[in-house]
């Protein structure tokens, strides 16, 4: 039985790509650079070796380092665990931390004058 050609409006099974904002592109690029540095610091000199450790195809992992894709939450947690880093170490703007909650909830101490 011959296959019918798809109609021009038929879905192809892939999600349509939505252009990323400049901010989203910056996040991906910075994440990729930080990921590469963390991988190399952890002793994985080759992306292929690290990709095998986390259970990904090398090509897919390289997309993360290039900033053309981003991992899901579970994979991000696995990456952080294996590299022994915090998510904030990989994400841009992650170094800007607010005061701990204990400090925020207690009133500021005043010095008697």
N, C-alpha and C. Protein backbone atom coordinates (compact mmCIF):
# COMPACT_ATOMS: atom_id res chain seq x y z
N UNK A 1 0.84 -1.18 0.00
CA UNK A 1 0.00 0.00 0.00
C UNK A 1 0.88 1.25 0.00
N UNK A 2 0.64 2.13 -0.90
CA UNK A 2 1.43 3.35 -1.03
C UNK A 2 0.99 4.38 -0.01
N UNK A 3 1.96 5.12 0.49
CA UNK A 3 1.65 6.18 1.46
C UNK A 3 1.12 7.39 0.72
N UNK A 4 0.16 8.03 1.38
CA UNK A 4 -0.34 9.28 0.81
C UNK A 4 0.58 10.42 1.20
N UNK A 5 0.79 11.36 0.31
CA UNK A 5 1.62 12.51 0.69
C UNK A 5 0.90 13.34 1.74
N UNK A 6 1.68 13.93 2.62
CA UNK A 6 1.10 14.78 3.66
C UNK A 6 0.57 16.06 3.04
N UNK A 7 -0.51 16.52 3.61
CA UNK A 7 -1.04 17.80 3.14
C UNK A 7 -0.15 18.91 3.67
N UNK A 8 -0.11 20.04 2.99
CA UNK A 8 0.79 21.12 3.40
C UNK A 8 0.56 21.59 4.83
N UNK A 9 -0.66 21.48 5.35
CA UNK A 9 -0.94 21.96 6.69
C UNK A 9 -0.84 20.90 7.76
N UNK A 10 -0.46 19.68 7.39
CA UNK A 10 -0.39 18.59 8.37
C UNK A 10 0.79 18.78 9.30
N UNK A 11 0.59 18.46 10.58
CA UNK A 11 1.70 18.60 11.53
C UNK A 11 2.78 17.58 11.23
N UNK A 12 4.03 17.97 11.42
CA UNK A 12 5.15 17.08 11.12
C UNK A 12 5.61 16.29 12.32
N UNK A 13 5.00 16.50 13.48
CA UNK A 13 5.42 15.81 14.68
C UNK A 13 6.39 16.62 15.51
N UNK A 14 7.01 17.62 14.93
CA UNK A 14 7.93 18.49 15.65
C UNK A 14 7.20 19.75 16.07
N UNK A 15 7.63 20.27 17.21
CA UNK A 15 7.08 21.55 17.66
C UNK A 15 7.63 22.65 16.77
N UNK A 16 6.80 23.61 16.41
CA UNK A 16 7.33 24.71 15.61
C UNK A 16 8.33 25.51 16.45
N UNK A 17 9.45 25.88 15.86
CA UNK A 17 10.45 26.62 16.63
C UNK A 17 10.02 28.07 16.76
N UNK A 18 10.09 28.54 17.98
CA UNK A 18 9.75 29.92 18.28
C UNK A 18 11.07 30.66 18.48
N UNK A 19 11.24 31.79 17.82
CA UNK A 19 12.51 32.51 17.98
C UNK A 19 12.72 32.91 19.43
N UNK A 20 13.94 32.74 19.90
CA UNK A 20 14.26 33.10 21.28
C UNK A 20 14.53 34.59 21.39
N UNK A 21 14.18 35.13 22.54
CA UNK A 21 14.49 36.53 22.80
C UNK A 21 16.00 36.66 22.98
N UNK A 22 16.48 37.86 22.91
CA UNK A 22 17.91 38.10 23.10
C UNK A 22 18.32 37.67 24.51
N UNK A 23 17.47 37.88 25.48
CA UNK A 23 17.74 37.49 26.86
C UNK A 23 17.86 35.97 26.97
N UNK A 24 16.94 35.23 26.33
CA UNK A 24 16.97 33.77 26.36
C UNK A 24 18.23 33.24 25.67
N UNK A 25 18.63 33.88 24.58
CA UNK A 25 19.85 33.47 23.89
C UNK A 25 21.07 33.68 24.79
N UNK A 26 21.08 34.80 25.50
CA UNK A 26 22.19 35.10 26.42
C UNK A 26 22.26 34.05 27.53
N UNK A 27 21.11 33.67 28.05
CA UNK A 27 21.06 32.66 29.11
C UNK A 27 21.64 31.34 28.60
N UNK A 28 21.21 30.92 27.43
CA UNK A 28 21.70 29.65 26.88
C UNK A 28 23.20 29.69 26.62
N UNK A 29 23.68 30.79 26.06
CA UNK A 29 25.10 30.89 25.74
C UNK A 29 25.95 30.89 27.02
N UNK A 30 25.52 31.64 28.02
CA UNK A 30 26.26 31.69 29.27
C UNK A 30 26.21 30.34 29.97
N UNK A 31 25.05 29.69 29.96
CA UNK A 31 24.93 28.37 30.54
C UNK A 31 25.91 27.42 29.86
N UNK A 32 25.96 27.45 28.55
CA UNK A 32 26.86 26.56 27.80
C UNK A 32 28.32 26.79 28.15
N UNK A 33 28.72 28.05 28.26
CA UNK A 33 30.11 28.36 28.62
C UNK A 33 30.43 27.88 30.03
N UNK A 34 29.50 28.13 30.96
CA UNK A 34 29.71 27.71 32.34
C UNK A 34 29.73 26.19 32.45
N UNK A 35 28.88 25.52 31.68
CA UNK A 35 28.83 24.06 31.68
C UNK A 35 30.16 23.49 31.20
N UNK A 36 30.69 24.05 30.14
CA UNK A 36 31.96 23.56 29.61
C UNK A 36 33.08 23.74 30.63
N UNK A 37 33.14 24.92 31.25
CA UNK A 37 34.17 25.17 32.27
C UNK A 37 34.04 24.18 33.43
N UNK A 38 32.81 23.95 33.88
CA UNK A 38 32.58 23.04 35.00
C UNK A 38 32.97 21.61 34.62
N UNK A 39 32.64 21.20 33.40
CA UNK A 39 32.99 19.85 32.92
C UNK A 39 34.50 19.68 32.91
N UNK A 40 35.19 20.66 32.36
CA UNK A 40 36.65 20.57 32.27
C UNK A 40 37.29 20.61 33.66
N UNK A 41 36.75 21.44 34.55
CA UNK A 41 37.27 21.53 35.92
C UNK A 41 37.08 20.21 36.68
N UNK A 42 36.02 19.49 36.32
CA UNK A 42 35.75 18.21 36.98
C UNK A 42 36.59 17.07 36.39
N UNK A 43 37.40 17.39 35.38
CA UNK A 43 38.30 16.38 34.83
C UNK A 43 37.81 15.69 33.57
N UNK A 44 36.69 16.12 33.04
CA UNK A 44 36.19 15.55 31.78
C UNK A 44 36.69 16.43 30.64
N UNK A 45 37.83 16.06 30.06
CA UNK A 45 38.41 16.90 29.01
C UNK A 45 37.66 16.79 27.69
N UNK A 46 36.93 15.71 27.49
CA UNK A 46 36.19 15.52 26.24
C UNK A 46 34.69 15.50 26.51
N UNK A 47 33.96 16.27 25.73
CA UNK A 47 32.51 16.32 25.88
C UNK A 47 31.87 14.94 25.69
N UNK A 48 32.44 14.15 24.80
CA UNK A 48 31.89 12.82 24.52
C UNK A 48 31.93 11.94 25.76
N UNK A 49 33.00 12.04 26.53
CA UNK A 49 33.12 11.23 27.75
C UNK A 49 32.05 11.62 28.76
N UNK A 50 31.86 12.92 28.93
CA UNK A 50 30.87 13.38 29.90
C UNK A 50 29.45 13.04 29.42
N UNK A 51 29.21 13.17 28.13
CA UNK A 51 27.90 12.83 27.57
C UNK A 51 27.55 11.37 27.88
N UNK A 52 28.52 10.47 27.75
CA UNK A 52 28.29 9.06 28.07
C UNK A 52 27.95 8.88 29.55
N UNK A 53 28.63 9.61 30.42
CA UNK A 53 28.41 9.49 31.86
C UNK A 53 26.98 9.90 32.23
N UNK A 54 26.48 10.94 31.59
CA UNK A 54 25.12 11.39 31.92
C UNK A 54 24.06 10.72 31.06
N UNK A 55 24.48 9.85 30.16
CA UNK A 55 23.53 9.06 29.38
C UNK A 55 22.92 9.77 28.19
N UNK A 56 23.70 10.66 27.56
CA UNK A 56 23.22 11.38 26.38
C UNK A 56 24.09 11.07 25.18
N UNK A 57 23.52 11.30 24.01
CA UNK A 57 24.32 11.24 22.79
C UNK A 57 25.23 12.47 22.80
N UNK A 58 26.43 12.29 22.30
CA UNK A 58 27.39 13.39 22.29
C UNK A 58 26.84 14.63 21.59
N UNK A 59 26.17 14.41 20.47
CA UNK A 59 25.64 15.52 19.70
C UNK A 59 24.65 16.35 20.53
N UNK A 60 23.78 15.67 21.25
CA UNK A 60 22.79 16.38 22.08
C UNK A 60 23.48 17.19 23.16
N UNK A 61 24.47 16.58 23.82
CA UNK A 61 25.18 17.29 24.87
C UNK A 61 25.90 18.52 24.31
N UNK A 62 26.50 18.37 23.15
CA UNK A 62 27.22 19.51 22.55
C UNK A 62 26.28 20.68 22.27
N UNK A 63 25.02 20.41 22.00
CA UNK A 63 24.05 21.50 21.82
C UNK A 63 23.93 22.33 23.09
N UNK A 64 24.01 21.68 24.24
CA UNK A 64 23.95 22.42 25.51
C UNK A 64 25.15 23.34 25.66
N UNK A 65 26.33 22.83 25.35
CA UNK A 65 27.54 23.66 25.47
C UNK A 65 27.58 24.77 24.44
N UNK A 66 26.99 24.56 23.29
CA UNK A 66 26.95 25.61 22.24
C UNK A 66 25.87 26.65 22.50
N UNK A 67 24.94 26.32 23.39
CA UNK A 67 23.87 27.26 23.68
C UNK A 67 22.70 27.17 22.70
N UNK A 68 22.59 26.07 21.98
CA UNK A 68 21.50 25.91 21.03
C UNK A 68 20.36 25.07 21.59
N UNK A 69 20.56 24.53 22.80
CA UNK A 69 19.51 23.76 23.47
C UNK A 69 19.75 23.87 24.97
N UNK A 70 18.75 23.48 25.73
CA UNK A 70 18.88 23.52 27.19
C UNK A 70 18.35 22.23 27.78
N UNK A 71 18.99 21.74 28.84
CA UNK A 71 18.53 20.49 29.45
C UNK A 71 17.28 20.72 30.28
N UNK A 72 16.52 19.66 30.49
CA UNK A 72 15.38 19.72 31.38
C UNK A 72 15.85 19.75 32.83
N UNK A 73 14.91 19.95 33.73
CA UNK A 73 15.22 20.09 35.14
C UNK A 73 15.93 18.85 35.71
N UNK A 74 15.41 17.67 35.42
CA UNK A 74 16.01 16.45 35.96
C UNK A 74 17.44 16.26 35.46
N UNK A 75 17.66 16.53 34.18
CA UNK A 75 19.01 16.38 33.64
C UNK A 75 19.94 17.44 34.22
N UNK A 76 19.45 18.64 34.41
CA UNK A 76 20.26 19.69 35.03
C UNK A 76 20.70 19.26 36.43
N UNK A 77 19.78 18.67 37.19
CA UNK A 77 20.12 18.19 38.53
C UNK A 77 21.18 17.09 38.47
N UNK A 78 21.06 16.19 37.51
CA UNK A 78 22.03 15.10 37.35
C UNK A 78 23.40 15.66 36.98
N UNK A 79 23.42 16.62 36.07
CA UNK A 79 24.68 17.26 35.66
C UNK A 79 25.36 17.91 36.86
N UNK A 80 24.58 18.65 37.64
CA UNK A 80 25.13 19.34 38.82
C UNK A 80 25.68 18.34 39.83
N UNK A 81 24.97 17.25 40.01
CA UNK A 81 25.41 16.24 40.97
C UNK A 81 26.73 15.61 40.53
N UNK A 82 26.84 15.26 39.26
CA UNK A 82 28.05 14.62 38.76
C UNK A 82 29.24 15.58 38.75
N UNK A 83 28.99 16.84 38.39
CA UNK A 83 30.07 17.83 38.34
C UNK A 83 30.36 18.45 39.70
N UNK A 84 29.51 18.14 40.68
CA UNK A 84 29.64 18.69 42.03
C UNK A 84 29.60 20.22 42.01
N UNK A 85 28.58 20.76 41.33
CA UNK A 85 28.35 22.20 41.28
C UNK A 85 26.89 22.47 41.63
N UNK A 86 26.61 23.71 41.95
CA UNK A 86 25.24 24.14 42.19
C UNK A 86 24.65 24.66 40.88
N UNK A 87 23.34 24.59 40.71
CA UNK A 87 22.74 25.15 39.49
C UNK A 87 23.12 26.62 39.27
N UNK A 88 23.25 27.38 40.36
CA UNK A 88 23.63 28.78 40.23
C UNK A 88 25.02 28.95 39.63
N UNK A 89 25.86 27.94 39.76
CA UNK A 89 27.19 28.01 39.16
C UNK A 89 27.13 27.91 37.64
N UNK A 90 26.06 27.33 37.13
CA UNK A 90 25.93 27.15 35.68
C UNK A 90 25.04 28.22 35.04
N UNK A 91 24.10 28.72 35.80
CA UNK A 91 23.15 29.69 35.25
C UNK A 91 23.68 31.11 35.34
N UNK A 92 23.37 31.93 34.34
CA UNK A 92 23.81 33.33 34.42
C UNK A 92 23.03 34.05 35.52
N UNK A 93 23.63 35.06 36.06
CA UNK A 93 23.02 35.87 37.12
C UNK A 93 22.83 35.06 38.39
N UNK A 94 23.40 33.89 38.47
CA UNK A 94 23.22 33.02 39.63
C UNK A 94 24.03 33.45 40.84
N UNK A 95 25.00 34.29 40.64
CA UNK A 95 25.85 34.70 41.76
C UNK A 95 25.19 35.76 42.62
N UNK A 96 24.19 36.41 42.11
CA UNK A 96 23.50 37.46 42.86
C UNK A 96 22.51 36.81 43.81
N UNK A 97 22.95 36.62 45.02
CA UNK A 97 22.10 35.94 45.99
C UNK A 97 21.58 36.95 47.01
N UNK A 98 20.35 36.72 47.39
CA UNK A 98 19.77 37.56 48.44
C UNK A 98 20.22 37.03 49.79
N UNK A 99 19.95 37.81 50.80
CA UNK A 99 20.30 37.38 52.15
C UNK A 99 19.51 36.12 52.50
N UNK A 100 20.06 35.27 53.36
CA UNK A 100 19.30 34.08 53.79
C UNK A 100 17.99 34.48 54.45
N UNK A 101 17.01 33.61 54.39
CA UNK A 101 15.68 33.91 54.93
C UNK A 101 15.70 34.30 56.40
N UNK A 102 16.59 33.68 57.20
CA UNK A 102 16.64 34.01 58.63
C UNK A 102 16.94 35.48 58.82
N UNK A 103 17.90 35.99 58.03
CA UNK A 103 18.26 37.39 58.14
C UNK A 103 17.14 38.29 57.67
N UNK A 104 16.39 37.85 56.68
CA UNK A 104 15.32 38.68 56.13
C UNK A 104 14.15 38.78 57.09
N UNK A 105 13.88 37.71 57.84
CA UNK A 105 12.71 37.71 58.70
C UNK A 105 12.96 38.40 60.05
N UNK A 106 14.22 38.44 60.48
CA UNK A 106 14.49 39.10 61.75
C UNK A 106 14.70 40.58 61.54
N UNK A 107 14.26 41.38 62.51
CA UNK A 107 14.43 42.83 62.37
C UNK A 107 15.90 43.19 62.44
N UNK A 108 16.29 44.25 61.78
CA UNK A 108 17.70 44.66 61.81
C UNK A 108 18.10 45.04 63.24
N UNK A 109 19.34 44.70 63.59
CA UNK A 109 19.80 45.05 64.93
C UNK A 109 20.21 46.51 64.92
N UNK A 110 19.89 47.17 66.00
CA UNK A 110 20.22 48.59 66.11
C UNK A 110 21.26 48.78 67.19
N UNK A 111 22.15 49.68 66.94
CA UNK A 111 23.18 49.98 67.91
C UNK A 111 22.70 51.16 68.73
N UNK A 112 22.73 51.00 70.05
CA UNK A 112 22.30 52.10 70.96
C UNK A 112 23.36 53.18 70.95
N UNK A 113 22.90 54.43 70.85
CA UNK A 113 23.86 55.51 70.84
C UNK A 113 23.68 56.42 72.00
